[in-house]
Protein backbone atom coordinates (compact mmCIF):
# COMPACT_ATOMS: atom_id res chain seq x y z
CA MET A 1 -19.52 21.54 4.80
CA ILE A 2 -20.30 25.12 3.98
CA GLY A 3 -17.60 25.21 1.31
CA ASP A 4 -19.31 22.24 -0.51
CA ARG A 5 -22.66 23.96 -0.31
CA ILE A 6 -21.35 27.19 -1.77
CA LEU A 7 -19.60 25.36 -4.55
CA GLY A 8 -22.81 23.41 -5.12
CA ILE A 9 -24.76 26.61 -5.49
CA LEU A 10 -22.22 28.15 -7.77
CA MET A 11 -22.12 24.95 -9.92
CA LEU A 12 -25.86 24.84 -10.08
CA LEU A 13 -26.04 28.34 -11.37
CA LEU A 14 -23.22 27.44 -13.85
CA ALA A 15 -25.30 24.41 -14.98
CA VAL A 16 -28.45 26.47 -15.48
CA ALA A 17 -26.63 29.29 -17.47
CA TYR A 18 -24.89 26.70 -19.55
CA GLY A 19 -28.05 24.64 -20.16
CA TRP A 20 -29.75 27.91 -21.28
CA GLU A 21 -26.88 29.00 -23.59
CA ALA A 22 -26.84 25.36 -25.01
CA SER A 23 -30.54 25.50 -25.69
CA GLN A 24 -29.95 28.71 -27.80
CA PHE A 25 -27.79 27.02 -30.41
CA PRO A 26 -29.11 27.12 -33.93
CA GLU A 27 -30.27 23.94 -35.48
CA PRO A 28 -27.21 22.34 -37.32
CA PHE A 29 -27.05 22.26 -41.04
CA GLY A 30 -28.51 19.16 -42.44
CA GLY A 31 -31.01 18.48 -39.68
CA VAL A 32 -30.75 17.27 -36.01
CA GLU A 33 -28.10 14.55 -35.06
CA ALA A 34 -28.67 11.74 -32.54
CA VAL A 35 -26.38 13.05 -29.95
CA GLY A 36 -24.64 15.98 -31.52
CA PRO A 37 -23.91 19.73 -30.91
CA GLU A 38 -27.58 20.23 -29.92
CA THR A 39 -27.93 17.45 -27.41
CA PHE A 40 -24.46 16.97 -25.81
CA PRO A 41 -24.16 20.18 -24.07
CA LEU A 42 -27.65 19.78 -22.52
CA LEU A 43 -26.41 16.45 -21.20
CA LEU A 44 -23.38 18.04 -19.69
CA ALA A 45 -25.59 20.68 -18.12
CA VAL A 46 -27.92 18.07 -16.63
CA ILE A 47 -24.88 16.09 -15.22
CA LEU A 48 -23.52 19.18 -13.80
CA GLY A 49 -26.88 20.16 -12.25
CA PHE A 50 -27.39 16.79 -10.52
CA SER A 51 -23.76 16.78 -9.27
CA SER A 52 -24.32 20.38 -7.86
CA ILE A 53 -27.57 19.26 -6.11
CA TYR A 54 -25.78 16.34 -4.55
CA LEU A 55 -23.11 18.81 -3.12
CA ILE A 56 -25.70 20.86 -1.66
CA VAL A 57 -27.72 18.09 -0.15
CA LYS A 58 -24.83 15.99 1.12
CA PRO A 59 -21.65 17.92 1.54
CA ASP A 60 -18.43 16.20 2.92
CA PRO A 61 -17.24 17.13 6.43
CA ASP A 62 -14.90 19.99 6.66
CA GLN A 63 -11.31 19.29 5.78
CA GLU A 64 -8.06 21.08 6.25
CA TRP A 65 -6.78 23.41 3.62
CA PRO A 66 -4.53 21.53 1.29
CA GLY A 67 -0.90 21.76 1.63
CA MET A 68 1.60 23.44 -0.63
CA LYS A 69 2.37 20.29 -2.58
CA THR A 70 -1.37 19.82 -3.46
CA LEU A 71 -1.56 23.47 -4.47
CA PHE A 72 1.54 23.13 -6.77
CA ASP A 73 -0.06 19.95 -8.24
CA LEU A 74 -3.30 21.99 -9.04
CA ALA A 75 -1.29 24.85 -10.66
CA PHE A 76 0.68 22.26 -12.68
CA VAL A 77 -2.49 20.78 -13.99
CA LEU A 78 -3.88 24.25 -14.70
CA VAL A 79 -0.75 25.17 -16.71
CA LEU A 80 -1.02 21.89 -18.46
CA LEU A 81 -4.63 22.66 -19.42
CA LEU A 82 -3.68 25.96 -20.79
CA ILE A 83 -0.96 24.37 -22.83
CA PHE A 84 -3.43 21.71 -24.08
CA ALA A 85 -5.74 24.43 -25.33
CA ALA A 86 -3.05 26.24 -27.11
CA LEU A 87 -1.96 23.10 -28.79
CA LEU A 88 -5.29 21.74 -29.74
CA ALA A 89 -5.95 23.52 -33.03
CA PRO A 90 -2.38 23.38 -34.57
CA LEU A 91 -1.52 19.74 -33.41
CA GLY A 92 -4.89 18.30 -33.31
CA PHE A 93 -6.88 16.46 -30.73
CA VAL A 94 -4.98 13.12 -30.79
CA ILE A 95 -1.52 14.48 -30.40
CA SER A 96 -2.58 17.08 -27.87
CA THR A 97 -4.54 14.71 -25.77
CA THR A 98 -1.82 12.04 -25.90
CA LEU A 99 0.60 14.57 -24.57
CA MET A 100 -1.68 15.79 -21.83
CA VAL A 101 -2.81 12.45 -20.60
CA SER A 102 0.71 11.02 -20.89
CA VAL A 103 2.10 13.84 -18.71
CA LEU A 104 -0.72 13.53 -16.14
CA CYS A 105 -0.26 9.81 -15.72
CA TRP A 106 3.59 10.23 -15.44
CA ARG A 107 2.85 12.84 -12.72
CA MET A 108 0.60 10.48 -10.78
CA GLY A 109 3.33 8.04 -10.65
CA ALA A 110 3.17 5.78 -13.74
CA LYS A 111 6.26 4.85 -15.72
CA PRO A 112 6.86 6.94 -18.95
CA ILE A 113 6.16 4.10 -21.51
CA PRO A 114 2.83 2.99 -19.91
CA SER A 115 1.97 6.61 -19.41
CA GLY A 116 2.55 7.25 -23.22
CA LEU A 117 0.44 4.23 -24.13
CA THR A 118 -2.48 5.16 -21.85
CA GLY A 119 -2.23 8.63 -23.42
CA LEU A 120 -2.33 7.47 -27.01
CA GLY A 121 -4.97 4.88 -26.20
CA SER A 122 -7.25 7.34 -24.55
CA ALA A 123 -6.71 10.01 -27.23
CA VAL A 124 -7.54 7.54 -30.15
CA ALA A 125 -10.52 6.00 -28.28
CA ILE A 126 -12.02 9.42 -27.48
CA TYR A 127 -11.38 10.72 -31.01
CA LEU A 128 -13.05 7.72 -32.68
CA LEU A 129 -15.97 7.93 -30.20
CA PHE A 130 -16.56 11.59 -30.87
CA ASN A 131 -15.91 11.66 -34.59
CA PHE A 132 -17.62 8.56 -35.73
CA LEU A 133 -20.12 7.51 -33.06
CA LEU A 134 -21.33 10.91 -31.68
CA GLU A 135 -20.60 12.90 -34.88
CA LEU A 136 -18.96 15.58 -32.97
CA HIS A 137 -15.80 16.40 -35.08
CA LEU A 138 -12.62 17.06 -33.21
CA PRO A 139 -9.74 18.93 -34.72
CA ALA A 140 -7.42 16.52 -36.56
CA GLY A 141 -4.57 19.17 -36.77
CA ILE A 142 -1.47 17.86 -38.56
CA LEU A 143 -2.96 14.43 -38.80
CA LYS A 144 -5.71 15.64 -41.32
CA LEU A 145 -5.56 13.47 -44.46
CA THR A 146 -7.00 15.89 -47.01
């Protein structure tokens, strides 16, 4: 219980700091977008803030420390996130996200082909949503058509 409350307090501090920094962004060129670089980070800060308050008010009962397999899985995901961040600019969002989601799905027990299809579908859907609906342009990488 105390661990959840400490995490909630730390996340709440992070939400306030992130929200403050997000409010300092300069107005984008060409005016304000509906849900763009100005609004989206503030939405994330609000969601993080409410999640933090929930952890502080209603923590889970104390649990045992995770075993070595769980710690290995967490380390694997951390390494995968670092690789994703390194590949994002050169390969682009769609390819990097397809690879990451596919590997995560496979690691959670899915077969390779459904994992790949889930990764590709997720990457394309998110790319289209962000680029065309939210007007938050994600890197195209080697798929750039210019």
